[in-house]
PDB file of N, CA and C in Angstrom:
ATOM      1  N   MET A   1       8.804  20.150   2.107  1.00  0.00           N
ATOM      2  CA  MET A   1       8.898  18.716   1.903  1.00  0.00           C
ATOM      3  C   MET A   1       7.622  18.231   1.211  1.00  0.00           C
ATOM      4  N   ALA A   2       7.750  17.201   0.407  1.00  0.00           N
ATOM      5  CA  ALA A   2       6.635  16.664  -0.366  1.00  0.00           C
ATOM      6  C   ALA A   2       5.664  15.885   0.519  1.00  0.00           C
ATOM      7  N   LEU A   3       4.435  15.825   0.077  1.00  0.00           N
ATOM      8  CA  LEU A   3       3.400  15.050   0.742  1.00  0.00           C
ATOM      9  C   LEU A   3       3.725  13.565   0.604  1.00  0.00           C
ATOM     10  N   GLN A   4       3.600  12.804   1.716  1.00  0.00           N
ATOM     11  CA  GLN A   4       3.952  11.385   1.698  1.00  0.00           C
ATOM     12  C   GLN A   4       2.915  10.547   2.435  1.00  0.00           C
ATOM     13  N   VAL A   5       2.850   9.266   2.069  1.00  0.00           N
ATOM     14  CA  VAL A   5       2.051   8.268   2.779  1.00  0.00           C
ATOM     15  C   VAL A   5       2.962   7.084   3.069  1.00  0.00           C
ATOM     16  N   TYR A   6       2.526   6.220   3.990  1.00  0.00           N
ATOM     17  CA  TYR A   6       3.277   4.990   4.252  1.00  0.00           C
ATOM     18  C   TYR A   6       2.605   3.829   3.538  1.00  0.00           C
ATOM     19  N   THR A   7       3.423   3.006   2.919  1.00  0.00           N
ATOM     20  CA  THR A   7       2.955   1.816   2.229  1.00  0.00           C
ATOM     21  C   THR A   7       3.715   0.609   2.755  1.00  0.00           C
ATOM     22  N   ALA A   8       3.112  -0.557   2.583  1.00  0.00           N
ATOM     23  CA  ALA A   8       3.720  -1.823   3.016  1.00  0.00           C
ATOM     24  C   ALA A   8       2.960  -2.945   2.329  1.00  0.00           C
ATOM     25  N   SER A   9       3.316  -4.163   2.663  1.00  0.00           N
ATOM     26  CA  SER A   9       2.561  -5.326   2.193  1.00  0.00           C
ATOM     27  C   SER A   9       1.858  -5.946   3.389  1.00  0.00           C
ATOM     28  N   LEU A  10       0.581  -6.273   3.209  1.00  0.00           N
ATOM     29  CA  LEU A  10      -0.158  -6.953   4.272  1.00  0.00           C
ATOM     30  C   LEU A  10       0.444  -8.336   4.464  1.00  0.00           C
ATOM     31  N   LEU A  11       0.754  -8.689   5.684  1.00  0.00           N
ATOM     32  CA  LEU A  11       1.466  -9.934   5.962  1.00  0.00           C
ATOM     33  C   LEU A  11       0.674 -11.171   5.546  1.00  0.00           C
ATOM     34  N   ARG A  12      -0.598 -11.219   5.857  1.00  0.00           N
ATOM     35  CA  ARG A  12      -1.393 -12.413   5.538  1.00  0.00           C
ATOM     36  C   ARG A  12      -1.724 -12.527   4.062  1.00  0.00           C
ATOM     37  N   GLU A  13      -2.195 -11.430   3.458  1.00  0.00           N
ATOM     38  CA  GLU A  13      -2.678 -11.484   2.084  1.00  0.00           C
ATOM     39  C   GLU A  13      -1.608 -11.189   1.047  1.00  0.00           C
ATOM     40  N   GLY A  14      -0.591 -10.432   1.444  1.00  0.00           N
ATOM     41  CA  GLY A  14       0.453 -10.047   0.507  1.00  0.00           C
ATOM     42  C   GLY A  14       0.106  -8.836  -0.336  1.00  0.00           C
ATOM     43  N   PHE A  15      -1.074  -8.251  -0.126  1.00  0.00           N
ATOM     44  CA  PHE A  15      -1.499  -7.102  -0.920  1.00  0.00           C
ATOM     45  C   PHE A  15      -0.723  -5.847  -0.537  1.00  0.00           C
ATOM     46  N   VAL A  16      -0.570  -4.947  -1.492  1.00  0.00           N
ATOM     47  CA  VAL A  16      -0.020  -3.625  -1.221  1.00  0.00           C
ATOM     48  C   VAL A  16      -1.053  -2.867  -0.392  1.00  0.00           C
ATOM     49  N   ALA A  17      -0.595  -2.177   0.650  1.00  0.00           N
ATOM     50  CA  ALA A  17      -1.519  -1.455   1.523  1.00  0.00           C
ATOM     51  C   ALA A  17      -0.950  -0.091   1.890  1.00  0.00           C
ATOM     52  N   TYR A  18      -1.849   0.786   2.333  1.00  0.00           N
ATOM     53  CA  TYR A  18      -1.495   2.158   2.677  1.00  0.00           C
ATOM     54  C   TYR A  18      -2.048   2.471   4.059  1.00  0.00           C
ATOM     55  N   LEU A  19      -1.241   3.160   4.853  1.00  0.00           N
ATOM     56  CA  LEU A  19      -1.592   3.466   6.232  1.00  0.00           C
ATOM     57  C   LEU A  19      -2.668   4.543   6.301  1.00  0.00           C
ATOM     58  N   CYS A  20      -3.690   4.251   7.090  1.00  0.00           N
ATOM     59  CA  CYS A  20      -4.758   5.207   7.380  1.00  0.00           C
ATOM     60  C   CYS A  20      -4.710   5.455   8.884  1.00  0.00           C
ATOM     61  N   LEU A  21      -4.598   6.703   9.272  1.00  0.00           N
ATOM     62  CA  LEU A  21      -4.504   7.048  10.686  1.00  0.00           C
ATOM     63  C   LEU A  21      -5.657   7.980  11.023  1.00  0.00           C
ATOM     64  N   GLU A  22      -6.557   7.512  11.893  1.00  0.00           N
ATOM     65  CA  GLU A  22      -7.715   8.312  12.279  1.00  0.00           C
ATOM     66  C   GLU A  22      -7.860   8.285  13.790  1.00  0.00           C
ATOM     67  N   SER A  23      -7.830   9.454  14.391  1.00  0.00           N
ATOM     68  CA  SER A  23      -7.921   9.591  15.850  1.00  0.00           C
ATOM     69  C   SER A  23      -6.875   8.733  16.556  1.00  0.00           C
ATOM     70  N   GLY A  24      -5.685   8.661  15.971  1.00  0.00           N
ATOM     71  CA  GLY A  24      -4.594   7.905  16.563  1.00  0.00           C
ATOM     72  C   GLY A  24      -4.650   6.409  16.319  1.00  0.00           C
ATOM     73  N   GLU A  25      -5.704   5.924  15.681  1.00  0.00           N
ATOM     74  CA  GLU A  25      -5.860   4.498  15.385  1.00  0.00           C
ATOM     75  C   GLU A  25      -5.372   4.200  13.977  1.00  0.00           C
ATOM     76  N   ALA A  26      -4.509   3.217  13.856  1.00  0.00           N
ATOM     77  CA  ALA A  26      -3.954   2.846  12.550  1.00  0.00           C
ATOM     78  C   ALA A  26      -4.759   1.713  11.936  1.00  0.00           C
ATOM     79  N   SER A  27      -4.974   1.812  10.628  1.00  0.00           N
ATOM     80  CA  SER A  27      -5.542   0.717   9.846  1.00  0.00           C
ATOM     81  C   SER A  27      -4.858   0.763   8.488  1.00  0.00           C
ATOM     82  N   TRP A  28      -5.049  -0.282   7.701  1.00  0.00           N
ATOM     83  CA  TRP A  28      -4.392  -0.373   6.399  1.00  0.00           C
ATOM     84  C   TRP A  28      -5.431  -0.603   5.316  1.00  0.00           C
ATOM     85  N   SER A  29      -5.329   0.158   4.238  1.00  0.00           N
ATOM     86  CA  SER A  29      -6.258   0.051   3.117  1.00  0.00           C
ATOM     87  C   SER A  29      -5.487  -0.294   1.850  1.00  0.00           C
ATOM     88  N   THR A  30      -6.112  -1.040   0.963  1.00  0.00           N
ATOM     89  CA  THR A  30      -5.491  -1.329  -0.332  1.00  0.00           C
ATOM     90  C   THR A  30      -5.753  -0.202  -1.327  1.00  0.00           C
ATOM     91  N   ASP A  31      -6.484   0.818  -0.914  1.00  0.00           N
ATOM     92  CA  ASP A  31      -6.806   1.972  -1.760  1.00  0.00           C
ATOM     93  C   ASP A  31      -5.963   3.169  -1.328  1.00  0.00           C
ATOM     94  N   ILE A  32      -5.047   3.589  -2.172  1.00  0.00           N
ATOM     95  CA  ILE A  32      -4.152   4.707  -1.833  1.00  0.00           C
ATOM     96  C   ILE A  32      -4.927   5.989  -1.550  1.00  0.00           C
ATOM     97  N   ARG A  33      -6.110   6.128  -2.146  1.00  0.00           N
ATOM     98  CA  ARG A  33      -6.904   7.346  -1.943  1.00  0.00           C
ATOM     99  C   ARG A  33      -7.401   7.471  -0.513  1.00  0.00           C
ATOM    100  N   GLN A  34      -7.389   6.390   0.245  1.00  0.00           N
ATOM    101  CA  GLN A  34      -7.821   6.423   1.643  1.00  0.00           C
ATOM    102  C   GLN A  34      -6.663   6.642   2.611  1.00  0.00           C
ATOM    103  N   ALA A  35      -5.449   6.675   2.104  1.00  0.00           N
ATOM    104  CA  ALA A  35      -4.262   6.806   2.956  1.00  0.00           C
ATOM    105  C   ALA A  35      -4.211   8.173   3.628  1.00  0.00           C
ATOM    106  N   THR A  36      -3.554   8.207   4.767  1.00  0.00           N
ATOM    107  CA  THR A  36      -3.299   9.459   5.467  1.00  0.00           C
ATOM    108  C   THR A  36      -1.986  10.031   4.947  1.00  0.00           C
ATOM    109  N   ALA A  37      -2.033  11.255   4.441  1.00  0.00           N
ATOM    110  CA  ALA A  37      -0.850  11.906   3.869  1.00  0.00           C
ATOM    111  C   ALA A  37      -0.358  13.004   4.805  1.00  0.00           C
ATOM    112  N   ARG A  38       0.941  13.098   4.934  1.00  0.00           N
ATOM    113  CA  ARG A  38       1.571  14.118   5.778  1.00  0.00           C
ATOM    114  C   ARG A  38       2.841  14.616   5.095  1.00  0.00           C
ATOM    115  N   ASP A  39       3.361  15.725   5.617  1.00  0.00           N
ATOM    116  CA  ASP A  39       4.656  16.210   5.148  1.00  0.00           C
ATOM    117  C   ASP A  39       5.462  16.710   6.340  1.00  0.00           C
ATOM    118  N   GLY A  40       6.742  16.890   6.115  1.00  0.00           N
ATOM    119  CA  GLY A  40       7.623  17.432   7.140  1.00  0.00           C
ATOM    120  C   GLY A  40       7.608  16.651   8.437  1.00  0.00           C
ATOM    121  N   ASP A  41       7.574  17.393   9.550  1.00  0.00           N
ATOM    122  CA  ASP A  41       7.617  16.783  10.881  1.00  0.00           C
ATOM    123  C   ASP A  41       6.379  15.944  11.182  1.00  0.00           C
ATOM    124  N   ASP A  42       5.253  16.235  10.513  1.00  0.00           N
ATOM    125  CA  ASP A  42       4.019  15.479  10.746  1.00  0.00           C
ATOM    126  C   ASP A  42       4.134  14.031  10.283  1.00  0.00           C
ATOM    127  N   LEU A  43       5.127  13.731   9.457  1.00  0.00           N
ATOM    128  CA  LEU A  43       5.319  12.377   8.938  1.00  0.00           C
ATOM    129  C   LEU A  43       5.770  11.403  10.033  1.00  0.00           C
ATOM    130  N   GLU A  44       6.341  11.921  11.102  1.00  0.00           N
ATOM    131  CA  GLU A  44       6.852  11.069  12.183  1.00  0.00           C
ATOM    132  C   GLU A  44       5.746  10.212  12.808  1.00  0.00           C
ATOM    133  N   ALA A  45       4.548  10.764  12.962  1.00  0.00           N
ATOM    134  CA  ALA A  45       3.431   9.999  13.538  1.00  0.00           C
ATOM    135  C   ALA A  45       3.082   8.807  12.656  1.00  0.00           C
ATOM    136  N   LEU A  46       3.144   8.986  11.349  1.00  0.00           N
ATOM    137  CA  LEU A  46       2.872   7.880  10.429  1.00  0.00           C
ATOM    138  C   LEU A  46       3.955   6.813  10.538  1.00  0.00           C
ATOM    139  N   LYS A  47       5.204   7.256  10.652  1.00  0.00           N
ATOM    140  CA  LYS A  47       6.315   6.313  10.774  1.00  0.00           C
ATOM    141  C   LYS A  47       6.162   5.452  12.025  1.00  0.00           C
ATOM    142  N   ILE A  48       5.815   6.075  13.129  1.00  0.00           N
ATOM    143  CA  ILE A  48       5.641   5.344  14.389  1.00  0.00           C
ATOM    144  C   ILE A  48       4.505   4.332  14.264  1.00  0.00           C
ATOM    145  N   ALA A  49       3.389   4.740  13.663  1.00  0.00           N
ATOM    146  CA  ALA A  49       2.243   3.835  13.492  1.00  0.00           C
ATOM    147  C   ALA A  49       2.594   2.672  12.567  1.00  0.00           C
ATOM    148  N   ALA A  50       3.337   2.953  11.501  1.00  0.00           N
ATOM    149  CA  ALA A  50       3.738   1.895  10.565  1.00  0.00           C
ATOM    150  C   ALA A  50       4.674   0.903  11.244  1.00  0.00           C
ATOM    151  N   GLU A  51       5.631   1.407  11.999  1.00  0.00           N
ATOM    152  CA  GLU A  51       6.562   0.521  12.702  1.00  0.00           C
ATOM    153  C   GLU A  51       5.835  -0.345  13.727  1.00  0.00           C
ATOM    154  N   GLN A  52       4.833   0.224  14.400  1.00  0.00           N
ATOM    155  CA  GLN A  52       4.059  -0.557  15.369  1.00  0.00           C
ATOM    156  C   GLN A  52       3.261  -1.653  14.661  1.00  0.00           C
ATOM    157  N   SER A  53       2.695  -1.333  13.510  1.00  0.00           N
ATOM    158  CA  SER A  53       1.954  -2.337  12.736  1.00  0.00           C
ATOM    159  C   SER A  53       2.864  -3.475  12.290  1.00  0.00           C
ATOM    160  N   GLU A  54       4.113  -3.142  11.976  1.00  0.00           N
ATOM    161  CA  GLU A  54       5.068  -4.187  11.597  1.00  0.00           C
ATOM    162  C   GLU A  54       5.396  -5.065  12.806  1.00  0.00           C
ATOM    163  N   GLN A  55       5.581  -4.449  13.967  1.00  0.00           N
ATOM    164  CA  GLN A  55       5.855  -5.221  15.185  1.00  0.00           C
ATOM    165  C   GLN A  55       4.668  -6.102  15.568  1.00  0.00           C
ATOM    166  N   ASP A  56       3.455  -5.647  15.224  1.00  0.00           N
ATOM    167  CA  ASP A  56       2.238  -6.412  15.508  1.00  0.00           C
ATOM    168  C   ASP A  56       1.961  -7.475  14.443  1.00  0.00           C
ATOM    169  N   ASN A  57       2.891  -7.621  13.491  1.00  0.00           N
ATOM    170  CA  ASN A  57       2.785  -8.619  12.416  1.00  0.00           C
ATOM    171  C   ASN A  57       1.559  -8.437  11.521  1.00  0.00           C
ATOM    172  N   LEU A  58       1.179  -7.176  11.287  1.00  0.00           N
ATOM    173  CA  LEU A  58       0.095  -6.881  10.353  1.00  0.00           C
ATOM    174  C   LEU A  58       0.629  -6.642   8.946  1.00  0.00           C
ATOM    175  N   ILE A  59       1.812  -6.030   8.882  1.00  0.00           N
ATOM    176  CA  ILE A  59       2.417  -5.658   7.601  1.00  0.00           C
ATOM    177  C   ILE A  59       3.907  -5.974   7.625  1.00  0.00           C
ATOM    178  N   VAL A  60       4.522  -5.928   6.440  1.00  0.00           N
ATOM    179  CA  VAL A  60       5.978  -6.067   6.344  1.00  0.00           C
ATOM    180  C   VAL A  60       6.524  -4.945   5.478  1.00  0.00           C
ATOM    181  N   ALA A  61       7.737  -4.541   5.785  1.00  0.00           N
ATOM    182  CA  ALA A  61       8.522  -3.595   4.990  1.00  0.00           C
ATOM    183  C   ALA A  61       7.831  -2.259   4.729  1.00  0.00           C
ATOM    184  N   PRO A  62       7.416  -1.538   5.782  1.00  0.00           N
ATOM    185  CA  PRO A  62       6.795  -0.231   5.555  1.00  0.00           C
ATOM    186  C   PRO A  62       7.821   0.821   5.136  1.00  0.00           C
ATOM    187  N   TYR A  63       7.393   1.706   4.265  1.00  0.00           N
ATOM    188  CA  TYR A  63       8.236   2.838   3.872  1.00  0.00           C
ATOM    189  C   TYR A  63       7.360   3.964   3.350  1.00  0.00           C
ATOM    190  N   ALA A  64       7.897   5.174   3.377  1.00  0.00           N
ATOM    191  CA  ALA A  64       7.162   6.355   2.922  1.00  0.00           C
ATOM    192  C   ALA A  64       7.364   6.557   1.424  1.00  0.00           C
ATOM    193  N   ILE A  65       6.282   6.969   0.746  1.00  0.00           N
ATOM    194  CA  ILE A  65       6.365   7.314  -0.674  1.00  0.00           C
ATOM    195  C   ILE A  65       5.758   8.697  -0.878  1.00  0.00           C
ATOM    196  N   GLU A  66       6.230   9.379  -1.896  1.00  0.00           N
ATOM    197  CA  GLU A  66       5.660  10.678  -2.237  1.00  0.00           C
ATOM    198  C   GLU A  66       4.364  10.483  -3.002  1.00  0.00           C
ATOM    199  N   VAL A  67       3.392  11.352  -2.706  1.00  0.00           N
ATOM    200  CA  VAL A  67       2.116  11.339  -3.404  1.00  0.00           C
ATOM    201  C   VAL A  67       1.770  12.758  -3.840  1.00  0.00           C
ATOM    202  N   VAL A  68       0.859  12.840  -4.791  1.00  0.00           N
ATOM    203  CA  VAL A  68       0.319  14.134  -5.212  1.00  0.00           C
ATOM    204  C   VAL A  68      -1.196  14.069  -5.074  1.00  0.00           C
ATOM    205  N   GLU A  69      -1.790  15.208  -4.758  1.00  0.00           N
ATOM    206  CA  GLU A  69      -3.240  15.280  -4.664  1.00  0.00           C
ATOM    207  C   GLU A  69      -3.803  15.666  -6.021  1.00  0.00           C
ATOM    208  N   THR A  70      -4.788  14.909  -6.480  1.00  0.00           N
ATOM    209  CA  THR A  70      -5.473  15.210  -7.731  1.00  0.00           C
ATOM    210  C   THR A  70      -6.957  15.382  -7.423  1.00  0.00           C
ATOM    211  N   LYS A  71      -7.734  15.708  -8.443  1.00  0.00           N
ATOM    212  CA  LYS A  71      -9.179  15.858  -8.226  1.00  0.00           C
ATOM    213  C   LYS A  71      -9.821  14.534  -7.825  1.00  0.00           C
ATOM    214  N   ASP A  72      -9.162  13.419  -8.163  1.00  0.00           N
ATOM    215  CA  ASP A  72      -9.672  12.090  -7.825  1.00  0.00           C
ATOM    216  C   ASP A  72      -9.098  11.539  -6.523  1.00  0.00           C
ATOM    217  N   GLY A  73      -8.229  12.289  -5.865  1.00  0.00           N
ATOM    218  CA  GLY A  73      -7.626  11.839  -4.613  1.00  0.00           C
ATOM    219  C   GLY A  73      -6.122  11.692  -4.737  1.00  0.00           C
ATOM    220  N   LEU A  74      -5.527  10.979  -3.797  1.00  0.00           N
ATOM    221  CA  LEU A  74      -4.077  10.797  -3.779  1.00  0.00           C
ATOM    222  C   LEU A  74      -3.625   9.833  -4.871  1.00  0.00           C
ATOM    223  N   VAL A  75      -2.477  10.164  -5.476  1.00  0.00           N
ATOM    224  CA  VAL A  75      -1.858   9.325  -6.500  1.00  0.00           C
ATOM    225  C   VAL A  75      -0.367   9.267  -6.198  1.00  0.00           C
ATOM    226  N   ALA A  76       0.223   8.096  -6.333  1.00  0.00           N
ATOM    227  CA  ALA A  76       1.669   7.955  -6.138  1.00  0.00           C
ATOM    228  C   ALA A  76       2.408   8.851  -7.128  1.00  0.00           C
ATOM    229  N   ALA A  77       3.496   9.444  -6.682  1.00  0.00           N
ATOM    230  CA  ALA A  77       4.240  10.386  -7.518  1.00  0.00           C
ATOM    231  C   ALA A  77       5.140   9.699  -8.536  1.00  0.00           C
ATOM    232  N   THR A  78       5.575   8.481  -8.256  1.00  0.00           N
ATOM    233  CA  THR A  78       6.483   7.795  -9.179  1.00  0.00           C
ATOM    234  C   THR A  78       5.755   6.684  -9.931  1.00  0.00           C
ATOM    235  N   LYS A  79       6.238   6.381 -11.114  1.00  0.00           N
ATOM    236  CA  LYS A  79       5.636   5.324 -11.933  1.00  0.00           C
ATOM    237  C   LYS A  79       5.703   3.976 -11.203  1.00  0.00           C
ATOM    238  N   ARG A  80       6.819   3.694 -10.543  1.00  0.00           N
ATOM    239  CA  ARG A  80       6.957   2.428  -9.806  1.00  0.00           C
ATOM    240  C   ARG A  80       5.828   2.258  -8.799  1.00  0.00           C
ATOM    241  N   GLU A  81       5.570   3.284  -8.017  1.00  0.00           N
ATOM    242  CA  GLU A  81       4.534   3.197  -6.991  1.00  0.00           C
ATOM    243  C   GLU A  81       3.132   3.240  -7.595  1.00  0.00           C
ATOM    244  N   GLN A  82       2.974   3.877  -8.743  1.00  0.00           N
ATOM    245  CA  GLN A  82       1.680   3.839  -9.438  1.00  0.00           C
ATOM    246  C   GLN A  82       1.370   2.413  -9.873  1.00  0.00           C
ATOM    247  N   ILE A  83       2.397   1.710 -10.362  1.00  0.00           N
ATOM    248  CA  ILE A  83       2.218   0.313 -10.770  1.00  0.00           C
ATOM    249  C   ILE A  83       1.914  -0.556  -9.552  1.00  0.00           C
ATOM    250  N   ARG A  84       2.626  -0.345  -8.454  1.00  0.00           N
ATOM    251  CA  ARG A  84       2.337  -1.100  -7.225  1.00  0.00           C
ATOM    252  C   ARG A  84       0.901  -0.874  -6.778  1.00  0.00           C
ATOM    253  N   ALA A  85       0.421   0.370  -6.904  1.00  0.00           N
ATOM    254  CA  ALA A  85      -0.933   0.706  -6.456  1.00  0.00           C
ATOM    255  C   ALA A  85      -2.011   0.083  -7.332  1.00  0.00           C
ATOM    256  N   SER A  86      -1.733  -0.041  -8.632  1.00  0.00           N
ATOM    257  CA  SER A  86      -2.772  -0.525  -9.551  1.00  0.00           C
ATOM    258  C   SER A  86      -2.618  -1.988  -9.936  1.00  0.00           C
ATOM    259  N   GLY A  87      -1.490  -2.590  -9.642  1.00  0.00           N
ATOM    260  CA  GLY A  87      -1.298  -4.002  -9.956  1.00  0.00           C
ATOM    261  C   GLY A  87      -0.474  -4.204 -11.210  1.00  0.00           C
ATOM    262  N   PRO A  88      -0.339  -5.452 -11.651  1.00  0.00           N
ATOM    263  CA  PRO A  88       0.508  -5.768 -12.805  1.00  0.00           C
ATOM    264  C   PRO A  88       0.106  -4.990 -14.057  1.00  0.00           C
ATOM    265  N   THR A  89       1.080  -4.775 -14.932  1.00  0.00           N
ATOM    266  CA  THR A  89       0.828  -4.039 -16.175  1.00  0.00           C
ATOM    267  C   THR A  89       0.459  -4.965 -17.319  1.00  0.00           C
ATOM    268  N   PHE A  90       0.281  -6.252 -17.029  1.00  0.00           N
ATOM    269  CA  PHE A  90      -0.116  -7.226 -18.048  1.00  0.00           C
ATOM    270  C   PHE A  90      -1.117  -8.192 -17.421  1.00  0.00           C
ATOM    271  N   VAL A  91      -1.859  -8.867 -18.272  1.00  0.00           N
ATOM    272  CA  VAL A  91      -2.854  -9.820 -17.800  1.00  0.00           C
ATOM    273  C   VAL A  91      -2.150 -11.103 -17.366  1.00  0.00           C
ATOM    274  N   LEU A  92      -2.434 -11.526 -16.150  1.00  0.00           N
ATOM    275  CA  LEU A  92      -1.848 -12.765 -15.646  1.00  0.00           C
ATOM    276  C   LEU A  92      -2.571 -13.958 -16.257  1.00  0.00           C
ATOM    277  N   PRO A  93      -1.845 -15.024 -16.584  1.00  0.00           N
ATOM    278  CA  PRO A  93      -2.496 -16.201 -17.167  1.00  0.00           C
ATOM    279  C   PRO A  93      -3.395 -16.880 -16.136  1.00  0.00           C
ATOM    280  N   HIS A  94      -4.508 -17.366 -16.602  1.00  0.00           N
ATOM    281  CA  HIS A  94      -5.437 -18.092 -15.733  1.00  0.00           C
ATOM    282  C   HIS A  94      -5.374 -19.564 -16.105  1.00  0.00           C
ATOM    283  N   ASP A  95      -4.256 -20.163 -15.802  1.00  0.00           N
ATOM    284  CA  ASP A  95      -3.976 -21.548 -16.150  1.00  0.00           C
ATOM    285  C   ASP A  95      -4.813 -22.474 -15.275  1.00  0.00           C
ATOM    286  N   ASN A  96      -5.537 -23.369 -15.885  1.00  0.00           N
ATOM    287  CA  ASN A  96      -6.356 -24.317 -15.144  1.00  0.00           C
ATOM    288  C   ASN A  96      -5.588 -25.633 -15.004  1.00  0.00           C
ATOM    289  N   VAL A  97      -4.860 -25.763 -13.921  1.00  0.00           N
ATOM    290  CA  VAL A  97      -4.012 -26.931 -13.683  1.00  0.00           C
ATOM    291  C   VAL A  97      -4.853 -28.194 -13.547  1.00  0.00           C
ATOM    292  N   ARG A  98      -6.001 -28.113 -12.889  1.00  0.00           N
ATOM    293  CA  ARG A  98      -6.841 -29.302 -12.698  1.00  0.00           C
ATOM    294  C   ARG A  98      -7.313 -29.865 -14.036  1.00  0.00           C
ATOM    295  N   ALA A  99      -7.701 -28.992 -14.954  1.00  0.00           N
ATOM    296  CA  ALA A  99      -8.178 -29.453 -16.266  1.00  0.00           C
ATOM    297  C   ALA A  99      -7.059 -30.165 -17.018  1.00  0.00           C
ATOM    298  N   ARG A 100      -5.840 -29.652 -16.933  1.00  0.00           N
ATOM    299  CA  ARG A 100      -4.710 -30.300 -17.607  1.00  0.00           C
ATOM    300  C   ARG A 100      -4.423 -31.662 -16.998  1.00  0.00           C
ATOM    301  N   ARG A 101      -4.545 -31.775 -15.677  1.00  0.00           N
ATOM    302  CA  ARG A 101      -4.276 -33.056 -15.011  1.00  0.00           C
ATOM    303  C   ARG A 101      -5.312 -34.104 -15.409  1.00  0.00           C
ATOM    304  N   LYS A 102      -6.573 -33.697 -15.520  1.00  0.00           N
ATOM    305  CA  LYS A 102      -7.626 -34.641 -15.906  1.00  0.00           C
ATOM    306  C   LYS A 102      -7.444 -35.109 -17.342  1.00  0.00           C
ATOM    307  N   ALA A 103      -6.976 -34.220 -18.201  1.00  0.00           N
ATOM    308  CA  ALA A 103      -6.795 -34.557 -19.616  1.00  0.00           C
ATOM    309  C   ALA A 103      -5.619 -35.500 -19.823  1.00  0.00           C
ATOM    310  N   ALA A 104      -4.675 -35.488 -18.927  1.00  0.00           N
ATOM    311  CA  ALA A 104      -3.454 -36.295 -19.096  1.00  0.00           C
ATOM    312  C   ALA A 104      -3.620 -37.725 -18.783  1.00  0.00           C
TER     313      ALA A 104
END
């Protein structure tokens, strides 16, 4: 089975996050390279921790994604998840609404 991590959205901030499990303690990082990766039966512990975090209202919609290990750390295996990890593929407009209101 392929190496996987759990991802979700942080409930308060809305950021994409990845489950980090250390000594049985769960935390969430916005850096996929810090995620805890597992495969096969070992993935069950991550699933349980992710579901508990959702019940604790820390995250929403957790699910497992495939990752690959590179010299720079973990990278999402699919283009969709690579885009989620790195953010939008275009520059977002920085519209200054206050300036337009003052000019009007």
